[in-house]
Protein backbone atom coordinates (compact mmCIF):
# COMPACT_ATOMS: atom_id res chain seq x y z
CA MET A 1 5.19 22.23 -14.01
CA SER A 2 4.36 19.88 -11.04
CA LEU A 3 7.34 17.91 -9.67
CA LEU A 4 4.91 14.78 -8.64
CA PRO A 5 3.47 12.66 -11.24
CA ARG A 6 0.02 13.10 -12.18
CA ARG A 7 -2.43 10.37 -11.16
CA LEU A 8 -4.56 9.20 -14.12
CA ARG A 9 -8.23 9.05 -13.72
CA HIS A 10 -10.43 5.80 -14.11
CA GLY A 11 -10.89 4.93 -17.65
CA GLU A 12 -8.50 7.67 -18.78
CA GLU A 13 -6.78 6.51 -22.03
CA ALA A 14 -3.07 6.80 -22.11
CA THR A 15 -0.34 5.36 -24.32
CA LEU A 16 2.38 2.72 -23.18
CA VAL A 17 4.91 5.44 -23.20
CA GLU A 18 3.04 7.62 -20.83
CA HIS A 19 2.33 4.71 -18.66
CA LEU A 20 6.10 3.95 -18.52
CA GLY A 21 6.85 7.69 -18.08
CA GLU A 22 4.32 7.76 -14.91
CA LEU A 23 6.28 4.64 -13.81
CA ARG A 24 9.54 6.04 -14.20
CA SER A 25 8.42 9.20 -12.35
CA ARG A 26 6.98 7.34 -9.36
CA LEU A 27 10.22 5.02 -9.06
CA ILE A 28 12.32 8.15 -9.06
CA VAL A 29 9.72 9.81 -6.05
CA ALA A 30 10.20 6.47 -4.16
CA LEU A 31 13.98 6.35 -4.59
CA ALA A 32 14.11 9.99 -3.64
CA ALA A 33 12.27 9.25 -0.49
CA LEU A 34 14.60 6.28 0.20
CA ALA A 35 17.62 8.60 -0.26
CA VAL A 36 16.32 11.19 2.32
CA GLY A 37 15.39 8.37 4.65
CA PHE A 38 18.64 6.65 4.52
CA THR A 39 20.52 10.26 4.91
CA VAL A 40 18.38 10.88 8.08
CA ALA A 41 18.92 7.48 9.18
CA TYR A 42 22.81 7.54 8.75
CA VAL A 43 23.02 10.99 10.55
CA PHE A 44 21.33 9.40 13.46
CA HIS A 45 22.94 5.96 12.84
CA GLY A 46 24.81 5.96 16.25
CA HIS A 47 21.71 6.36 18.36
CA LEU A 48 19.95 3.54 15.90
CA LEU A 49 22.86 1.04 16.60
CA HIS A 50 22.41 1.66 20.52
CA TRP A 51 18.87 1.07 20.39
CA LEU A 52 19.25 -2.09 18.14
CA ASN A 53 21.86 -3.39 20.60
CA ARG A 54 19.45 -2.90 23.67
CA PRO A 55 17.79 -6.52 23.49
CA LEU A 56 21.27 -8.04 23.90
CA PRO A 57 22.39 -9.32 27.29
CA PRO A 58 24.71 -6.67 29.20
CA ASN A 59 27.88 -8.55 28.55
CA LEU A 60 27.11 -8.54 24.86
CA GLN A 61 25.83 -5.02 24.37
CA LYS A 62 29.02 -4.12 21.89
CA PRO A 63 28.83 -6.61 19.04
CA VAL A 64 32.16 -7.67 17.31
CA THR A 65 33.71 -7.21 13.94
CA PHE A 66 36.18 -9.35 12.19
CA SER A 67 37.34 -7.17 9.13
CA PRO A 68 38.29 -3.55 8.44
CA ALA A 69 35.59 -2.75 6.53
CA GLU A 70 32.63 -4.54 8.46
CA PRO A 71 32.06 -1.55 10.79
CA PHE A 72 31.49 0.83 7.81
CA THR A 73 29.63 -1.67 5.77
CA THR A 74 27.40 -2.73 8.62
CA SER A 75 26.39 0.75 9.61
CA ILE A 76 25.64 1.47 5.96
CA MET A 77 23.32 -1.59 5.78
CA VAL A 78 21.39 -0.57 8.99
CA SER A 79 20.97 2.83 7.84
CA LEU A 80 19.70 1.70 4.56
CA TRP A 81 17.00 -0.68 6.35
CA ALA A 82 15.91 2.32 8.46
CA GLY A 83 15.75 4.52 5.68
CA LEU A 84 13.45 2.06 4.02
CA LEU A 85 11.23 1.99 6.93
CA LEU A 86 11.26 5.85 7.05
CA ALA A 87 10.27 6.04 3.16
CA LEU A 88 7.58 3.10 3.45
CA PRO A 89 4.61 5.29 3.41
CA ILE A 90 5.66 7.38 0.51
CA VAL A 91 6.67 3.97 -1.46
CA PHE A 92 3.35 2.70 -0.53
CA TRP A 93 1.28 5.66 -1.51
CA GLN A 94 3.43 5.73 -5.18
CA ILE A 95 2.41 2.11 -5.75
CA TRP A 96 -1.23 2.81 -4.92
CA ALA A 97 -1.14 5.90 -7.32
CA PHE A 98 0.21 4.08 -10.07
CA LEU A 99 -2.46 1.16 -9.50
CA ALA A 100 -5.34 3.41 -8.76
CA PRO A 101 -6.68 3.98 -12.31
CA ALA A 102 -7.41 0.31 -12.67
CA PHE A 103 -10.17 0.65 -9.89
CA GLU A 104 -13.47 2.41 -10.32
CA GLU A 105 -13.82 5.88 -8.67
CA HIS A 106 -16.10 4.64 -5.88
CA ARG A 107 -13.63 2.06 -4.71
CA GLN A 108 -10.60 4.26 -4.72
CA ARG A 109 -11.36 5.70 -1.56
CA SER A 110 -11.59 2.60 0.42
CA MET A 111 -8.47 1.46 -1.47
CA ALA A 112 -6.60 4.49 -0.51
CA LEU A 113 -7.53 4.08 3.29
CA LEU A 114 -6.39 0.37 3.00
CA VAL A 115 -2.91 1.55 1.87
CA LEU A 116 -2.76 4.08 4.67
CA PHE A 117 -3.86 1.12 6.89
CA ALA A 118 -1.01 -0.89 5.55
CA ALA A 119 1.56 1.63 6.41
CA VAL A 120 0.15 1.78 9.92
CA LEU A 121 0.24 -1.89 10.38
CA ALA A 122 3.85 -2.15 9.17
CA LEU A 123 5.01 0.26 11.52
CA ALA A 124 2.86 -1.40 14.36
CA GLY A 125 4.67 -4.68 13.27
CA VAL A 126 8.05 -3.26 13.64
CA ALA A 127 7.25 -1.95 17.02
CA PHE A 128 5.64 -5.21 17.93
CA GLY A 129 8.78 -7.34 16.66
CA TYR A 130 11.21 -4.97 18.71
CA PHE A 131 9.44 -4.59 22.04
CA VAL A 132 7.63 -8.04 22.19
CA ILE A 133 9.59 -10.72 19.96
CA LEU A 134 13.25 -9.43 19.87
CA THR A 135 14.29 -9.31 23.43
CA PRO A 136 13.05 -12.78 24.49
CA ALA A 137 14.32 -14.24 21.35
CA ILE A 138 17.80 -12.80 21.71
CA HIS A 139 17.75 -13.97 25.39
CA PHE A 140 16.79 -17.52 24.29
CA LEU A 141 19.36 -17.63 21.58
CA THR A 142 22.36 -16.10 23.42
CA ASN A 143 21.87 -18.36 26.48
CA TYR A 144 21.20 -21.72 24.69
CA ASP A 145 23.86 -24.18 25.54
CA SER A 146 26.02 -21.44 27.02
CA SER A 147 27.99 -23.85 29.22
CA TYR A 148 29.40 -25.45 25.89
CA TYR A 149 30.20 -22.26 23.92
CA THR A 150 31.93 -19.00 24.32
CA ILE A 151 29.07 -16.64 22.97
CA GLN A 152 30.02 -13.70 21.09
CA VAL A 153 27.66 -11.75 18.62
CA ARG A 154 28.91 -10.56 15.31
CA ALA A 155 27.76 -7.27 14.48
CA ARG A 156 26.73 -8.00 10.86
CA ASP A 157 25.05 -11.37 11.50
CA TYR A 158 23.16 -9.72 14.63
CA TYR A 159 21.85 -6.67 12.49
CA ARG A 160 20.87 -8.73 9.81
CA PHE A 161 19.01 -11.08 11.94
CA VAL A 162 17.07 -8.04 13.60
CA SER A 163 16.30 -6.69 10.18
CA PHE A 164 14.88 -9.73 9.00
CA VAL A 165 12.84 -10.32 12.08
CA LEU A 166 11.35 -6.73 12.10
CA LEU A 167 10.76 -6.88 8.44
CA GLY A 168 9.04 -10.23 8.53
CA VAL A 169 6.95 -9.25 11.36
CA ALA A 170 5.94 -6.05 9.51
CA ILE A 171 4.90 -7.95 6.35
CA ALA A 172 3.06 -10.38 8.45
CA PHE A 173 1.04 -7.63 10.05
CA GLU A 174 -0.19 -6.82 6.73
CA VAL A 175 -2.64 -9.81 6.51
CA PRO A 176 -5.90 -7.50 7.25
CA VAL A 177 -4.91 -5.49 4.43
CA PHE A 178 -4.73 -8.23 2.07
CA VAL A 179 -7.84 -9.92 3.34
CA LEU A 180 -9.86 -6.63 3.04
CA ALA A 181 -8.53 -5.85 -0.20
CA LEU A 182 -9.71 -9.32 -1.48
CA VAL A 183 -12.96 -8.65 0.12
CA ARG A 184 -13.15 -4.96 -1.39
CA LEU A 185 -12.54 -6.38 -5.01
CA ARG A 186 -15.15 -9.10 -4.58
CA ILE A 187 -12.71 -12.17 -4.84
CA LEU A 188 -13.54 -12.83 -1.49
CA SER A 189 -16.70 -12.84 0.75
CA ALA A 190 -17.03 -12.29 4.66
CA ALA A 191 -19.35 -15.33 4.57
CA ARG A 192 -16.50 -17.30 3.13
CA LEU A 193 -13.82 -16.10 5.48
CA ARG A 194 -16.20 -17.03 8.14
CA GLY A 195 -16.80 -20.50 6.87
CA THR A 196 -13.01 -21.13 6.34
CA TRP A 197 -11.71 -19.56 9.49
CA ARG A 198 -10.15 -22.76 10.77
CA PHE A 199 -8.14 -23.10 7.53
CA GLY A 200 -7.17 -19.49 7.89
CA VAL A 201 -5.87 -19.98 11.45
CA PHE A 202 -3.84 -22.91 10.30
CA LEU A 203 -2.32 -20.84 7.52
CA MET A 204 -1.41 -18.01 9.77
CA THR A 205 0.38 -20.55 11.98
CA VAL A 206 2.21 -21.58 9.18
CA ILE A 207 3.12 -18.24 8.12
CA GLY A 208 4.31 -17.50 11.88
CA VAL A 209 6.47 -20.65 11.78
CA LEU A 210 8.07 -19.58 8.44
CA LEU A 211 9.00 -15.96 9.59
CA PRO A 212 12.65 -15.28 9.92
CA GLY A 213 13.00 -16.48 13.54
CA VAL A 214 14.62 -19.72 14.51
CA ASP A 215 13.69 -20.23 18.02
CA PRO A 216 10.26 -21.27 19.61
CA VAL A 217 9.98 -18.03 21.60
CA SER A 218 9.84 -15.70 18.63
CA THR A 219 7.97 -18.33 16.59
CA ILE A 220 5.13 -18.51 19.13
CA LEU A 221 5.09 -14.79 19.88
CA SER A 222 4.89 -14.32 15.90
CA VAL A 223 1.86 -16.86 15.63
CA ILE A 224 -0.48 -15.09 18.41
CA PRO A 225 -0.72 -11.78 16.82
CA LEU A 226 -0.99 -13.22 13.17
CA VAL A 227 -4.01 -15.32 14.35
CA ALA A 228 -5.62 -12.38 16.26
CA LEU A 229 -5.07 -10.11 13.13
CA TYR A 230 -6.70 -12.53 10.72
CA LEU A 231 -9.67 -12.92 13.20
CA LEU A 232 -9.89 -9.12 13.22
CA SER A 233 -9.82 -8.98 9.36
CA ILE A 234 -12.74 -11.32 9.43
CA GLY A 235 -14.62 -8.88 11.84
CA LEU A 236 -13.77 -5.88 9.71
CA ALA A 237 -14.69 -7.71 6.44
CA THR A 238 -18.17 -8.76 8.03
CA PHE A 239 -18.67 -4.97 9.07
CA LEU A 240 -17.34 -3.13 5.91
CA GLU A 241 -18.81 -5.72 3.17
CA PRO A 242 -22.36 -4.43 3.29
CA ARG A 243 -21.42 -0.90 3.16
CA TRP A 244 -19.11 -1.40 0.21
CA ARG A 245 -21.85 -3.43 -1.74
CA SER A 246 -24.52 -0.83 -0.89
CA GLU A 247 -22.08 1.71 -2.06
CA THR A 248 -21.51 0.01 -5.44
CA SER A 249 -25.26 -0.49 -5.98
CA THR A 250 -26.04 3.18 -5.20
CA THR A 251 -23.39 4.31 -7.74
CA PRO A 252 -24.85 5.68 -10.99
CA VAL A 253 -23.54 3.95 -14.17
CA PRO A 254 -21.80 6.30 -16.47
CA GLU A 255 -23.42 6.61 -19.83
């Protein structure tokens, strides 16, 4: 008996109970992956906290806590976010495997590649958020009006801010996947994307402003890659759409 849920084939009939059973099995796999990721992250949470503290100024390298339980709850929260990041590829794959039967067989391979592309982009977004956005953003915020304030950093608030920034950038990096999926499903076309690129750039700018950074530094640094990724998605759609359409036209129709 397989420990992993079986993926249904396109057009395969299944009862509502079987669909719910598959959904339950995939949720269990995703939660198990999250539990494993959390355990690994908690084992190394000291190194993780040290890594997250690096963007702070030298005099603020050790955030403060204000309640007896805060060190414990904060470490748990950070480990949980890190565990989710580690489990993300498996979670993405379980979501895709559940939705795959809704797509025709000749589309499933390209959609599976998009899921893999989504996981890679999410990790790239986290790396970009940490190495490019976070340090200048923290420097700006912790030095703003420093002559008027005694600046201290509370651990719970700092790690929540860092988590939201990294998660927001990771989600924003999924723009090419979202655009390519719409093109693959023929909801959008590359020609339409090229014709409305100015509106798309404006929309990416709005999304960059709405990301969880409150300072102009992180906002500007978020808008630039978003616009670049959107333009890249237009180029990829222009390159891939003819191949997808020819693949569809040459696929035999089942009798």
